[in-house]
Amino acid sequence: MESEKEKMLSGQLYDSSDPELVEMRKKATLLLRRINGAKSSDAEISSCIGKLIGKYSNLPVIVPPFFCDYGVNIHLGKNVYMNFNCTILDVCLVKIGDNVLLGPNVQIYAATHPLDWETREMGLENGKPVSIGDNVWIGGGSIICPGASIGDKTVIGAGSVVTKDMPAGVLAVGNPCRVIKKLC
């Protein structure tokens, strides 16, 4: 029988009140408090980021405040930069490639909820993994929705809402986000 954590990571319906998941979120919350605390030193912030993020090639630059659900389901390539106030809801894998820039207030959502109200009323949730390729720039205030992928060398304009996959090497903007120009 699958655990609630295994169900969550595979995108199935799961119960977020499961004790293991609650404990994982508590651990992330404590690390986030230290990262986002006004008195934190750069060394303390780096140490906490290293403990929070599930996998990374080299320590990313994350400008506080930063928010996430678990942290352990975030996998980062090398040279990732996240500006102020980024939020990643990582109930499924959120994979971010090398040399990625996230503007301020970027939100990446792997978390979603069932459309059926009766299922939501039961307290069940689910998610869809998000993937961002290499050399991507996501402009400030953009939202990446559950299940979306962004190809290598793509630029997402500020304030965009990415509801579906974006190909590699394009400039895409808007709500919903759409390709407006090929870059390479």
N, C-alpha and C. Protein backbone atom coordinates (compact mmCIF):
# COMPACT_ATOMS: atom_id res chain seq x y z
N MET A 1 0.84 -1.18 0.00
CA MET A 1 0.00 0.00 0.00
C MET A 1 0.89 1.25 0.00
N GLU A 2 0.55 2.20 -0.84
CA GLU A 2 1.34 3.41 -0.96
C GLU A 2 1.09 4.35 0.21
N SER A 3 2.16 5.02 0.63
CA SER A 3 2.01 6.03 1.67
C SER A 3 1.40 7.30 1.06
N GLU A 4 0.93 8.19 1.91
CA GLU A 4 0.38 9.46 1.41
C GLU A 4 1.48 10.26 0.71
N LYS A 5 2.70 10.17 1.20
CA LYS A 5 3.82 10.86 0.55
C LYS A 5 4.04 10.32 -0.86
N GLU A 6 4.03 9.00 -1.00
CA GLU A 6 4.20 8.39 -2.33
C GLU A 6 3.07 8.79 -3.27
N LYS A 7 1.85 8.82 -2.76
CA LYS A 7 0.71 9.26 -3.58
C LYS A 7 0.91 10.71 -4.02
N MET A 8 1.32 11.57 -3.07
CA MET A 8 1.52 12.98 -3.37
C MET A 8 2.54 13.15 -4.49
N LEU A 9 3.68 12.50 -4.35
CA LEU A 9 4.77 12.66 -5.31
C LEU A 9 4.42 12.12 -6.69
N SER A 10 3.50 11.15 -6.75
CA SER A 10 3.12 10.58 -8.04
C SER A 10 1.92 11.28 -8.67
N GLY A 11 1.40 12.33 -8.01
CA GLY A 11 0.29 13.10 -8.57
C GLY A 11 -1.08 12.53 -8.29
N GLN A 12 -1.14 11.50 -7.44
CA GLN A 12 -2.43 10.93 -7.07
C GLN A 12 -3.09 11.79 -5.98
N LEU A 13 -4.37 11.53 -5.75
CA LEU A 13 -5.03 12.16 -4.61
C LEU A 13 -4.38 11.67 -3.33
N TYR A 14 -4.15 12.61 -2.40
CA TYR A 14 -3.52 12.25 -1.13
C TYR A 14 -4.11 13.11 -0.01
N ASP A 15 -3.90 12.66 1.21
CA ASP A 15 -4.38 13.36 2.40
C ASP A 15 -3.22 14.16 3.00
N SER A 16 -3.29 15.48 2.89
CA SER A 16 -2.19 16.33 3.36
C SER A 16 -2.10 16.39 4.88
N SER A 17 -3.11 15.85 5.59
CA SER A 17 -3.04 15.83 7.05
C SER A 17 -2.29 14.61 7.57
N ASP A 18 -1.75 13.80 6.67
CA ASP A 18 -0.94 12.64 7.06
C ASP A 18 0.22 13.11 7.95
N PRO A 19 0.47 12.44 9.08
CA PRO A 19 1.51 12.87 10.02
C PRO A 19 2.90 13.04 9.40
N GLU A 20 3.28 12.16 8.48
CA GLU A 20 4.59 12.30 7.85
C GLU A 20 4.67 13.60 7.04
N LEU A 21 3.61 13.92 6.30
CA LEU A 21 3.60 15.14 5.51
C LEU A 21 3.55 16.38 6.40
N VAL A 22 2.78 16.32 7.47
CA VAL A 22 2.71 17.44 8.41
C VAL A 22 4.10 17.70 9.00
N GLU A 23 4.79 16.65 9.37
CA GLU A 23 6.14 16.80 9.94
C GLU A 23 7.11 17.38 8.92
N MET A 24 7.01 16.95 7.68
CA MET A 24 7.88 17.49 6.62
C MET A 24 7.63 18.99 6.42
N ARG A 25 6.37 19.40 6.44
CA ARG A 25 6.04 20.82 6.29
C ARG A 25 6.53 21.63 7.49
N LYS A 26 6.44 21.05 8.68
CA LYS A 26 6.94 21.74 9.88
C LYS A 26 8.45 21.99 9.76
N LYS A 27 9.18 20.98 9.31
CA LYS A 27 10.63 21.13 9.13
C LYS A 27 10.93 22.25 8.14
N ALA A 28 10.21 22.26 7.02
CA ALA A 28 10.41 23.31 6.02
C ALA A 28 10.06 24.69 6.60
N THR A 29 8.99 24.77 7.36
CA THR A 29 8.57 26.04 7.95
C THR A 29 9.64 26.60 8.88
N LEU A 30 10.25 25.74 9.68
CA LEU A 30 11.31 26.20 10.59
C LEU A 30 12.51 26.73 9.81
N LEU A 31 12.89 26.03 8.75
CA LEU A 31 14.02 26.51 7.93
C LEU A 31 13.66 27.82 7.23
N LEU A 32 12.43 27.91 6.73
CA LEU A 32 12.00 29.15 6.06
C LEU A 32 11.98 30.33 7.02
N ARG A 33 11.60 30.10 8.27
CA ARG A 33 11.63 31.18 9.26
C ARG A 33 13.05 31.70 9.44
N ARG A 34 14.00 30.79 9.46
CA ARG A 34 15.40 31.21 9.62
C ARG A 34 15.90 31.93 8.37
N ILE A 35 15.52 31.42 7.19
CA ILE A 35 15.93 32.06 5.93
C ILE A 35 15.32 33.46 5.84
N ASN A 36 14.06 33.57 6.17
CA ASN A 36 13.33 34.83 6.00
C ASN A 36 13.48 35.78 7.18
N GLY A 37 14.13 35.33 8.26
CA GLY A 37 14.30 36.17 9.44
C GLY A 37 15.22 37.35 9.16
N ALA A 38 14.84 38.50 9.65
CA ALA A 38 15.59 39.74 9.39
C ALA A 38 17.00 39.69 9.95
N LYS A 39 17.25 38.89 10.98
CA LYS A 39 18.56 38.85 11.61
C LYS A 39 19.46 37.74 11.08
N SER A 40 18.99 37.01 10.08
CA SER A 40 19.79 35.92 9.53
C SER A 40 21.01 36.45 8.79
N SER A 41 22.15 35.83 9.01
CA SER A 41 23.36 36.19 8.27
C SER A 41 23.37 35.43 6.94
N ASP A 42 24.23 35.87 6.02
CA ASP A 42 24.36 35.17 4.74
C ASP A 42 24.75 33.71 4.95
N ALA A 43 25.64 33.45 5.91
CA ALA A 43 26.07 32.07 6.18
C ALA A 43 24.91 31.23 6.69
N GLU A 44 24.09 31.80 7.57
CA GLU A 44 22.94 31.07 8.09
C GLU A 44 21.91 30.81 6.99
N ILE A 45 21.67 31.82 6.16
CA ILE A 45 20.73 31.64 5.04
C ILE A 45 21.22 30.53 4.13
N SER A 46 22.49 30.55 3.77
CA SER A 46 23.05 29.51 2.88
C SER A 46 22.94 28.13 3.51
N SER A 47 23.23 28.03 4.79
CA SER A 47 23.13 26.75 5.49
C SER A 47 21.70 26.22 5.47
N CYS A 48 20.73 27.10 5.74
CA CYS A 48 19.32 26.68 5.75
C CYS A 48 18.84 26.31 4.35
N ILE A 49 19.25 27.06 3.35
CA ILE A 49 18.87 26.73 1.97
C ILE A 49 19.41 25.35 1.61
N GLY A 50 20.65 25.06 2.01
CA GLY A 50 21.25 23.75 1.75
C GLY A 50 20.48 22.61 2.39
N LYS A 51 19.88 22.87 3.56
CA LYS A 51 19.10 21.85 4.26
C LYS A 51 17.68 21.75 3.71
N LEU A 52 17.17 22.83 3.12
CA LEU A 52 15.78 22.88 2.66
C LEU A 52 15.60 22.28 1.28
N ILE A 53 16.43 22.68 0.33
CA ILE A 53 16.27 22.29 -1.07
C ILE A 53 16.68 20.84 -1.24
N GLY A 54 15.84 20.07 -1.95
CA GLY A 54 16.07 18.64 -2.11
C GLY A 54 17.33 18.28 -2.86
N LYS A 55 17.62 18.99 -3.95
CA LYS A 55 18.77 18.65 -4.79
C LYS A 55 19.20 19.91 -5.51
N TYR A 56 20.51 20.13 -5.56
CA TYR A 56 21.04 21.29 -6.28
C TYR A 56 22.47 21.00 -6.70
N SER A 57 22.88 21.60 -7.84
CA SER A 57 24.23 21.41 -8.36
C SER A 57 25.22 22.29 -7.61
N ASN A 58 24.88 23.53 -7.41
CA ASN A 58 25.61 24.41 -6.51
C ASN A 58 24.57 25.25 -5.79
N LEU A 59 24.94 25.77 -4.64
CA LEU A 59 23.97 26.48 -3.82
C LEU A 59 23.35 27.62 -4.60
N PRO A 60 22.03 27.65 -4.72
CA PRO A 60 21.35 28.72 -5.46
C PRO A 60 21.39 30.02 -4.69
N VAL A 61 21.16 31.12 -5.39
CA VAL A 61 20.96 32.40 -4.73
C VAL A 61 19.45 32.58 -4.60
N ILE A 62 18.98 32.62 -3.37
CA ILE A 62 17.56 32.83 -3.09
C ILE A 62 17.48 34.05 -2.19
N VAL A 63 16.90 35.12 -2.72
CA VAL A 63 16.78 36.36 -1.97
C VAL A 63 15.50 36.27 -1.12
N PRO A 64 15.63 36.34 0.21
CA PRO A 64 14.45 36.28 1.06
C PRO A 64 13.55 37.49 0.86
N PRO A 65 12.24 37.33 1.11
CA PRO A 65 11.63 36.11 1.60
C PRO A 65 11.38 35.10 0.48
N PHE A 66 11.39 33.85 0.88
CA PHE A 66 11.15 32.72 -0.01
C PHE A 66 10.15 31.81 0.70
N PHE A 67 9.29 31.16 -0.08
CA PHE A 67 8.26 30.29 0.50
C PHE A 67 8.15 29.01 -0.31
N CYS A 68 7.93 27.89 0.38
CA CYS A 68 7.66 26.61 -0.28
C CYS A 68 6.90 25.71 0.69
N ASP A 69 6.39 24.60 0.17
CA ASP A 69 5.69 23.64 1.02
C ASP A 69 6.66 22.72 1.75
N TYR A 70 7.52 22.07 0.98
CA TYR A 70 8.40 21.03 1.52
C TYR A 70 9.88 21.32 1.28
N GLY A 71 10.21 21.88 0.14
CA GLY A 71 11.60 22.14 -0.21
C GLY A 71 12.30 20.94 -0.79
N VAL A 72 12.09 19.77 -0.21
CA VAL A 72 12.79 18.56 -0.64
C VAL A 72 12.40 18.12 -2.05
N ASN A 73 11.27 18.60 -2.55
CA ASN A 73 10.82 18.23 -3.89
C ASN A 73 11.24 19.26 -4.94
N ILE A 74 12.13 20.17 -4.55
CA ILE A 74 12.67 21.17 -5.47
C ILE A 74 14.07 20.71 -5.87
N HIS A 75 14.28 20.54 -7.18
CA HIS A 75 15.58 20.15 -7.71
C HIS A 75 16.09 21.26 -8.62
N LEU A 76 17.26 21.78 -8.28
CA LEU A 76 17.81 22.93 -8.98
C LEU A 76 19.12 22.59 -9.68
N GLY A 77 19.28 23.13 -10.89
CA GLY A 77 20.55 23.03 -11.59
C GLY A 77 21.52 24.04 -11.01
N LYS A 78 22.61 24.27 -11.74
CA LYS A 78 23.61 25.23 -11.27
C LYS A 78 23.21 26.65 -11.65
N ASN A 79 23.68 27.59 -10.87
CA ASN A 79 23.50 29.02 -11.12
C ASN A 79 22.03 29.45 -11.21
N VAL A 80 21.24 29.02 -10.25
CA VAL A 80 19.83 29.43 -10.17
C VAL A 80 19.75 30.66 -9.27
N TYR A 81 19.00 31.66 -9.74
CA TYR A 81 18.79 32.88 -8.98
C TYR A 81 17.30 33.13 -8.83
N MET A 82 16.86 33.27 -7.57
CA MET A 82 15.46 33.58 -7.27
C MET A 82 15.42 34.92 -6.55
N ASN A 83 14.74 35.89 -7.14
CA ASN A 83 14.63 37.20 -6.53
C ASN A 83 13.60 37.19 -5.40
N PHE A 84 13.38 38.33 -4.77
CA PHE A 84 12.50 38.45 -3.62
C PHE A 84 11.14 37.79 -3.82
N ASN A 85 10.65 37.15 -2.77
CA ASN A 85 9.26 36.74 -2.65
C ASN A 85 8.83 35.64 -3.62
N CYS A 86 9.74 34.75 -3.99
CA CYS A 86 9.35 33.61 -4.82
C CYS A 86 8.65 32.57 -3.96
N THR A 87 7.66 31.91 -4.56
CA THR A 87 6.90 30.86 -3.89
C THR A 87 6.89 29.62 -4.78
N ILE A 88 7.23 28.47 -4.19
CA ILE A 88 7.19 27.20 -4.91
C ILE A 88 6.38 26.21 -4.09
N LEU A 89 5.23 25.82 -4.62
CA LEU A 89 4.41 24.80 -3.97
C LEU A 89 4.83 23.45 -4.54
N ASP A 90 5.67 22.76 -3.80
CA ASP A 90 6.36 21.57 -4.31
C ASP A 90 5.80 20.27 -3.77
N VAL A 91 4.51 20.02 -4.01
CA VAL A 91 3.93 18.74 -3.62
C VAL A 91 4.33 17.63 -4.58
N CYS A 92 4.73 18.00 -5.78
CA CYS A 92 5.35 17.10 -6.76
C CYS A 92 6.70 17.71 -7.10
N LEU A 93 7.46 17.00 -7.88
CA LEU A 93 8.78 17.48 -8.27
C LEU A 93 8.68 18.80 -9.03
N VAL A 94 9.47 19.77 -8.62
CA VAL A 94 9.67 21.01 -9.35
C VAL A 94 11.14 21.02 -9.75
N LYS A 95 11.38 20.85 -11.04
CA LYS A 95 12.75 20.77 -11.55
C LYS A 95 13.07 22.05 -12.31
N ILE A 96 14.14 22.71 -11.88
CA ILE A 96 14.59 23.96 -12.48
C ILE A 96 16.01 23.74 -12.97
N GLY A 97 16.26 24.02 -14.25
CA GLY A 97 17.55 23.74 -14.88
C GLY A 97 18.66 24.71 -14.49
N ASP A 98 19.73 24.66 -15.28
CA ASP A 98 20.91 25.50 -15.07
C ASP A 98 20.66 26.92 -15.57
N ASN A 99 21.31 27.88 -14.90
CA ASN A 99 21.32 29.28 -15.34
C ASN A 99 19.91 29.85 -15.50
N VAL A 100 19.08 29.62 -14.51
CA VAL A 100 17.69 30.09 -14.54
C VAL A 100 17.55 31.30 -13.63
N LEU A 101 16.87 32.32 -14.14
CA LEU A 101 16.58 33.54 -13.38
C LEU A 101 15.08 33.62 -13.12
N LEU A 102 14.72 33.77 -11.86
CA LEU A 102 13.32 33.98 -11.48
C LEU A 102 13.21 35.39 -10.92
N GLY A 103 12.36 36.22 -11.54
CA GLY A 103 12.15 37.57 -11.06
C GLY A 103 11.41 37.58 -9.74
N PRO A 104 11.24 38.78 -9.16
CA PRO A 104 10.52 38.87 -7.90
C PRO A 104 9.06 38.41 -8.05
N ASN A 105 8.56 37.81 -7.00
CA ASN A 105 7.16 37.39 -6.92
C ASN A 105 6.78 36.30 -7.91
N VAL A 106 7.74 35.54 -8.42
CA VAL A 106 7.41 34.40 -9.28
C VAL A 106 6.80 33.31 -8.40
N GLN A 107 5.75 32.69 -8.92
CA GLN A 107 5.06 31.62 -8.21
C GLN A 107 5.04 30.38 -9.09
N ILE A 108 5.50 29.27 -8.53
CA ILE A 108 5.53 28.00 -9.24
C ILE A 108 4.67 27.02 -8.45
N TYR A 109 3.59 26.56 -9.08
CA TYR A 109 2.63 25.71 -8.39
C TYR A 109 2.63 24.30 -8.97
N ALA A 110 3.13 23.33 -8.19
CA ALA A 110 2.91 21.93 -8.54
C ALA A 110 1.64 21.44 -7.86
N ALA A 111 1.17 22.17 -6.87
CA ALA A 111 -0.03 21.79 -6.11
C ALA A 111 -1.29 22.18 -6.86
N THR A 112 -2.27 21.30 -6.78
CA THR A 112 -3.58 21.58 -7.35
C THR A 112 -4.63 20.87 -6.50
N HIS A 113 -5.86 21.04 -6.87
CA HIS A 113 -6.96 20.41 -6.13
C HIS A 113 -7.94 19.82 -7.12
N PRO A 114 -8.67 18.79 -6.70
CA PRO A 114 -9.67 18.19 -7.58
C PRO A 114 -10.76 19.20 -7.96
N LEU A 115 -11.28 19.08 -9.17
CA LEU A 115 -12.36 19.96 -9.60
C LEU A 115 -13.68 19.61 -8.91
N ASP A 116 -13.83 18.36 -8.53
CA ASP A 116 -15.05 17.88 -7.89
C ASP A 116 -15.10 18.34 -6.43
N TRP A 117 -16.13 19.10 -6.07
CA TRP A 117 -16.21 19.66 -4.72
C TRP A 117 -16.30 18.59 -3.64
N GLU A 118 -16.94 17.47 -3.96
CA GLU A 118 -17.09 16.41 -2.96
C GLU A 118 -15.72 15.81 -2.59
N THR A 119 -14.86 15.68 -3.59
CA THR A 119 -13.51 15.17 -3.32
C THR A 119 -12.71 16.19 -2.52
N ARG A 120 -12.85 17.48 -2.88
CA ARG A 120 -12.17 18.53 -2.10
C ARG A 120 -12.67 18.54 -0.66
N GLU A 121 -13.98 18.35 -0.48
CA GLU A 121 -14.57 18.36 0.85
C GLU A 121 -13.99 17.23 1.72
N MET A 122 -13.56 16.15 1.09
CA MET A 122 -12.94 15.04 1.81
C MET A 122 -11.51 15.38 2.25
N GLY A 123 -11.01 16.53 1.82
CA GLY A 123 -9.66 16.96 2.22
C GLY A 123 -8.55 16.40 1.36
N LEU A 124 -8.91 15.88 0.20
CA LEU A 124 -7.89 15.30 -0.68
C LEU A 124 -7.34 16.35 -1.63
N GLU A 125 -6.06 16.25 -1.90
CA GLU A 125 -5.36 17.16 -2.80
C GLU A 125 -4.57 16.33 -3.81
N ASN A 126 -4.00 16.99 -4.79
CA ASN A 126 -3.08 16.32 -5.71
C ASN A 126 -2.15 17.35 -6.33
N GLY A 127 -1.30 16.91 -7.21
CA GLY A 127 -0.36 17.81 -7.84
C GLY A 127 0.10 17.29 -9.18
N LYS A 128 0.84 18.15 -9.88
CA LYS A 128 1.42 17.80 -11.17
C LYS A 128 2.81 18.42 -11.22
N PRO A 129 3.82 17.65 -11.62
CA PRO A 129 5.19 18.17 -11.63
C PRO A 129 5.36 19.34 -12.60
N VAL A 130 6.33 20.20 -12.28
CA VAL A 130 6.67 21.35 -13.11
C VAL A 130 8.14 21.23 -13.50
N SER A 131 8.44 21.56 -14.76
CA SER A 131 9.81 21.48 -15.24
C SER A 131 10.18 22.76 -15.98
N ILE A 132 11.32 23.32 -15.62
CA ILE A 132 11.84 24.53 -16.26
C ILE A 132 13.22 24.20 -16.78
N GLY A 133 13.45 24.43 -18.07
CA GLY A 133 14.71 24.06 -18.70
C GLY A 133 15.87 24.95 -18.33
N ASP A 134 16.97 24.79 -19.06
CA ASP A 134 18.19 25.57 -18.85
C ASP A 134 18.08 26.94 -19.51
N ASN A 135 18.78 27.91 -18.92
CA ASN A 135 18.90 29.26 -19.50
C ASN A 135 17.55 29.95 -19.70
N VAL A 136 16.66 29.76 -18.76
CA VAL A 136 15.32 30.35 -18.80
C VAL A 136 15.29 31.58 -17.90
N TRP A 137 14.58 32.60 -18.34
CA TRP A 137 14.33 33.79 -17.53
C TRP A 137 12.82 33.91 -17.39
N ILE A 138 12.35 33.94 -16.15
CA ILE A 138 10.93 34.11 -15.86
C ILE A 138 10.76 35.47 -15.20
N GLY A 139 10.03 36.36 -15.88
CA GLY A 139 9.84 37.72 -15.40
C GLY A 139 9.02 37.79 -14.14
N GLY A 140 9.23 38.87 -13.40
CA GLY A 140 8.57 39.09 -12.13
C GLY A 140 7.06 38.97 -12.19
N GLY A 141 6.50 38.40 -11.13
CA GLY A 141 5.06 38.28 -11.01
C GLY A 141 4.44 37.20 -11.86
N SER A 142 5.24 36.39 -12.51
CA SER A 142 4.70 35.30 -13.34
C SER A 142 4.25 34.14 -12.47
N ILE A 143 3.28 33.40 -12.99
CA ILE A 143 2.76 32.22 -12.31
C ILE A 143 2.92 31.03 -13.25
N ILE A 144 3.55 29.98 -12.75
CA ILE A 144 3.70 28.74 -13.51
C ILE A 144 2.73 27.73 -12.89
N CYS A 145 1.75 27.30 -13.66
CA CYS A 145 0.68 26.43 -13.15
C CYS A 145 1.09 24.96 -13.12
N PRO A 146 0.36 24.13 -12.35
CA PRO A 146 0.69 22.72 -12.21
C PRO A 146 0.77 22.01 -13.56
N GLY A 147 1.83 21.21 -13.71
CA GLY A 147 2.00 20.40 -14.90
C GLY A 147 2.67 21.09 -16.07
N ALA A 148 2.94 22.38 -15.97
CA ALA A 148 3.55 23.11 -17.09
C ALA A 148 5.05 22.85 -17.17
N SER A 149 5.56 22.84 -18.39
CA SER A 149 6.99 22.74 -18.65
C SER A 149 7.40 23.93 -19.50
N ILE A 150 8.61 24.41 -19.27
CA ILE A 150 9.15 25.52 -20.03
C ILE A 150 10.46 25.06 -20.64
N GLY A 151 10.59 25.17 -21.96
CA GLY A 151 11.76 24.70 -22.67
C GLY A 151 12.99 25.56 -22.44
N ASP A 152 14.15 25.02 -22.80
CA ASP A 152 15.43 25.72 -22.68
C ASP A 152 15.40 27.05 -23.43
N LYS A 153 16.13 28.03 -22.88
CA LYS A 153 16.39 29.32 -23.52
C LYS A 153 15.11 30.14 -23.78
N THR A 154 14.08 29.88 -23.02
CA THR A 154 12.83 30.61 -23.18
C THR A 154 12.76 31.75 -22.17
N VAL A 155 12.11 32.83 -22.57
CA VAL A 155 11.85 33.97 -21.70
C VAL A 155 10.34 34.07 -21.51
N ILE A 156 9.92 34.14 -20.24
CA ILE A 156 8.51 34.34 -19.90
C ILE A 156 8.38 35.77 -19.42
N GLY A 157 7.56 36.57 -20.09
CA GLY A 157 7.40 37.97 -19.75
C GLY A 157 6.77 38.18 -18.39
N ALA A 158 7.09 39.29 -17.78
CA ALA A 158 6.58 39.62 -16.45
C ALA A 158 5.06 39.56 -16.41
N GLY A 159 4.55 39.01 -15.33
CA GLY A 159 3.11 38.95 -15.11
C GLY A 159 2.38 37.87 -15.89
N SER A 160 3.12 37.01 -16.57
CA SER A 160 2.48 35.96 -17.37
C SER A 160 1.94 34.84 -16.50
N VAL A 161 0.93 34.14 -17.02
CA VAL A 161 0.38 32.96 -16.36
C VAL A 161 0.55 31.79 -17.32
N VAL A 162 1.50 30.91 -16.98
CA VAL A 162 1.83 29.77 -17.84
C VAL A 162 0.92 28.61 -17.46
N THR A 163 -0.05 28.31 -18.34
CA THR A 163 -1.03 27.26 -18.06
C THR A 163 -0.76 25.97 -18.83
N LYS A 164 0.18 26.04 -19.79
CA LYS A 164 0.51 24.86 -20.61
C LYS A 164 1.99 24.91 -20.96
N ASP A 165 2.49 23.87 -21.57
CA ASP A 165 3.90 23.79 -21.93
C ASP A 165 4.29 24.90 -22.89
N MET A 166 5.50 25.45 -22.66
CA MET A 166 6.08 26.45 -23.55
C MET A 166 7.31 25.84 -24.21
N PRO A 167 7.45 26.01 -25.53
CA PRO A 167 8.58 25.40 -26.23
C PRO A 167 9.90 26.09 -25.89
N ALA A 168 10.98 25.51 -26.37
CA ALA A 168 12.32 26.08 -26.18
C ALA A 168 12.52 27.28 -27.10
N GLY A 169 13.35 28.23 -26.64
CA GLY A 169 13.82 29.31 -27.47
C GLY A 169 12.79 30.31 -27.93
N VAL A 170 11.83 30.66 -27.05
CA VAL A 170 10.80 31.62 -27.44
C VAL A 170 10.64 32.68 -26.36
N LEU A 171 10.01 33.79 -26.76
CA LEU A 171 9.51 34.79 -25.82
C LEU A 171 8.01 34.54 -25.73
N ALA A 172 7.53 34.34 -24.52
CA ALA A 172 6.11 34.07 -24.30
C ALA A 172 5.60 35.00 -23.22
N VAL A 173 4.40 35.56 -23.42
CA VAL A 173 3.85 36.53 -22.48
C VAL A 173 2.33 36.37 -22.38
N GLY A 174 1.78 36.97 -21.34
CA GLY A 174 0.33 37.11 -21.25
C GLY A 174 -0.36 36.17 -20.30
N ASN A 175 -1.69 36.36 -20.25
CA ASN A 175 -2.57 35.54 -19.44
C ASN A 175 -3.77 35.14 -20.28
N PRO A 176 -3.81 33.89 -20.76
CA PRO A 176 -2.78 32.87 -20.56
C PRO A 176 -1.54 33.16 -21.42
N CYS A 177 -0.42 32.64 -20.95
CA CYS A 177 0.86 32.87 -21.64
C CYS A 177 0.83 32.23 -23.03
N ARG A 178 1.35 32.98 -24.02
CA ARG A 178 1.41 32.47 -25.39
C ARG A 178 2.70 32.96 -26.05
N VAL A 179 3.17 32.20 -26.99
CA VAL A 179 4.41 32.52 -27.70
C VAL A 179 4.15 33.73 -28.61
N ILE A 180 5.05 34.72 -28.53
CA ILE A 180 4.92 35.87 -29.43
C ILE A 180 6.12 36.04 -30.34
N LYS A 181 7.22 35.35 -30.01
CA LYS A 181 8.42 35.53 -30.83
C LYS A 181 9.37 34.37 -30.63
N LYS A 182 9.95 33.89 -31.73
CA LYS A 182 11.00 32.88 -31.65
C LYS A 182 12.32 33.60 -31.37
N LEU A 183 13.08 33.10 -30.40
CA LEU A 183 14.34 33.73 -30.04
C LEU A 183 15.55 33.03 -30.63
N CYS A 184 15.48 31.72 -30.77
CA CYS A 184 16.62 30.96 -31.31
C CYS A 184 16.14 29.66 -31.94
